[in-house]
């Protein structure tokens, strides 16, 4: 877009400040796979399902298609 690297951070920071729910969702989705693997318990933040079976992490989005 023709912006210098130092011009991008303030734009990103402003967007994140204006959209805290999305930023929180990212944090939850980032932590959830780690929790699922560690505890071997199914977890479902929002509309994503995470399970660990036989050493494989599965993510089930709203389409109900399991991704390994």
C-alpha atoms as a PDB file:
ATOM      1  CA  UNK A   1       0.000   0.000   0.000  1.00  0.00           C
ATOM      2  CA  UNK A   2       3.029   2.222  -0.100  1.00  0.00           C
ATOM      3  CA  UNK A   3       3.318   2.593   3.673  1.00  0.00           C
ATOM      4  CA  UNK A   4       6.610   2.365   5.477  1.00  0.00           C
ATOM      5  CA  UNK A   5       7.021  -0.275   8.193  1.00  0.00           C
ATOM      6  CA  UNK A   6       6.991   2.350  10.963  1.00  0.00           C
ATOM      7  CA  UNK A   7       3.627   3.671   9.683  1.00  0.00           C
ATOM      8  CA  UNK A   8       1.893   0.316  10.016  1.00  0.00           C
ATOM      9  CA  UNK A   9       2.072  -0.256  13.782  1.00  0.00           C
ATOM     10  CA  UNK A  10      -0.101   2.752  14.741  1.00  0.00           C
ATOM     11  CA  UNK A  11      -2.741   1.623  12.227  1.00  0.00           C
ATOM     12  CA  UNK A  12      -2.722  -1.924  13.588  1.00  0.00           C
ATOM     13  CA  UNK A  13      -2.820  -0.687  17.187  1.00  0.00           C
ATOM     14  CA  UNK A  14      -5.766   1.610  16.427  1.00  0.00           C
ATOM     15  CA  UNK A  15      -7.687  -1.205  14.725  1.00  0.00           C
ATOM     16  CA  UNK A  16      -7.076  -3.554  17.651  1.00  0.00           C
ATOM     17  CA  UNK A  17      -8.182  -0.877  20.131  1.00  0.00           C
ATOM     18  CA  UNK A  18     -11.391  -0.378  18.143  1.00  0.00           C
ATOM     19  CA  UNK A  19     -12.096  -4.144  17.947  1.00  0.00           C
ATOM     20  CA  UNK A  20     -11.332  -5.653  21.366  1.00  0.00           C
ATOM     21  CA  UNK A  21     -13.757  -8.571  20.955  1.00  0.00           C
ATOM     22  CA  UNK A  22     -11.926  -9.833  17.886  1.00  0.00           C
ATOM     23  CA  UNK A  23      -8.576  -9.410  19.600  1.00  0.00           C
ATOM     24  CA  UNK A  24      -9.909 -11.442  22.553  1.00  0.00           C
ATOM     25  CA  UNK A  25     -11.178 -14.138  20.171  1.00  0.00           C
ATOM     26  CA  UNK A  26      -7.686 -14.381  18.656  1.00  0.00           C
ATOM     27  CA  UNK A  27      -6.207 -14.788  22.133  1.00  0.00           C
ATOM     28  CA  UNK A  28      -8.741 -17.490  22.999  1.00  0.00           C
ATOM     29  CA  UNK A  29      -8.185 -19.363  19.752  1.00  0.00           C
ATOM     30  CA  UNK A  30      -4.425 -19.148  20.241  1.00  0.00           C
ATOM     31  CA  UNK A  31      -4.591 -20.591  23.773  1.00  0.00           C
ATOM     32  CA  UNK A  32      -7.331 -23.173  23.215  1.00  0.00           C
ATOM     33  CA  UNK A  33      -5.310 -25.714  21.176  1.00  0.00           C
ATOM     34  CA  UNK A  34      -2.615 -25.668  23.846  1.00  0.00           C
ATOM     35  CA  UNK A  35      -5.198 -26.234  26.578  1.00  0.00           C
ATOM     36  CA  UNK A  36      -6.851 -29.018  24.587  1.00  0.00           C
ATOM     37  CA  UNK A  37      -3.567 -30.856  24.045  1.00  0.00           C
ATOM     38  CA  UNK A  38      -2.492 -30.394  27.658  1.00  0.00           C
ATOM     39  CA  UNK A  39      -5.760 -31.453  29.319  1.00  0.00           C
ATOM     40  CA  UNK A  40      -7.072 -33.856  26.634  1.00  0.00           C
ATOM     41  CA  UNK A  41     -10.462 -32.196  27.204  1.00  0.00           C
ATOM     42  CA  UNK A  42     -12.682 -30.937  24.390  1.00  0.00           C
ATOM     43  CA  UNK A  43     -12.981 -27.148  24.340  1.00  0.00           C
ATOM     44  CA  UNK A  44     -15.294 -24.956  22.280  1.00  0.00           C
ATOM     45  CA  UNK A  45     -14.590 -21.223  22.195  1.00  0.00           C
ATOM     46  CA  UNK A  46     -17.315 -19.520  20.184  1.00  0.00           C
ATOM     47  CA  UNK A  47     -18.077 -21.592  17.085  1.00  0.00           C
ATOM     48  CA  UNK A  48     -14.886 -23.650  16.946  1.00  0.00           C
ATOM     49  CA  UNK A  49     -14.519 -27.058  18.532  1.00  0.00           C
ATOM     50  CA  UNK A  50     -11.114 -28.418  19.601  1.00  0.00           C
ATOM     51  CA  UNK A  51     -10.482 -32.055  20.525  1.00  0.00           C
ATOM     52  CA  UNK A  52      -7.372 -34.183  20.937  1.00  0.00           C
ATOM     53  CA  UNK A  53      -7.626 -37.831  19.951  1.00  0.00           C
ATOM     54  CA  UNK A  54      -4.771 -40.322  19.655  1.00  0.00           C
ATOM     55  CA  UNK A  55      -2.221 -37.520  19.659  1.00  0.00           C
ATOM     56  CA  UNK A  56      -3.982 -35.572  16.907  1.00  0.00           C
ATOM     57  CA  UNK A  57      -5.528 -32.131  17.412  1.00  0.00           C
ATOM     58  CA  UNK A  58      -8.851 -31.709  15.607  1.00  0.00           C
ATOM     59  CA  UNK A  59     -10.546 -28.374  14.955  1.00  0.00           C
ATOM     60  CA  UNK A  60     -14.224 -28.381  14.006  1.00  0.00           C
ATOM     61  CA  UNK A  61     -15.420 -25.085  12.517  1.00  0.00           C
ATOM     62  CA  UNK A  62     -19.068 -24.184  11.923  1.00  0.00           C
ATOM     63  CA  UNK A  63     -19.084 -26.302   8.737  1.00  0.00           C
ATOM     64  CA  UNK A  64     -18.760 -29.399  11.000  1.00  0.00           C
ATOM     65  CA  UNK A  65     -15.812 -30.638   8.921  1.00  0.00           C
ATOM     66  CA  UNK A  66     -13.098 -31.873  11.240  1.00  0.00           C
ATOM     67  CA  UNK A  67      -9.637 -30.596  10.413  1.00  0.00           C
ATOM     68  CA  UNK A  68      -6.631 -32.496  11.748  1.00  0.00           C
END
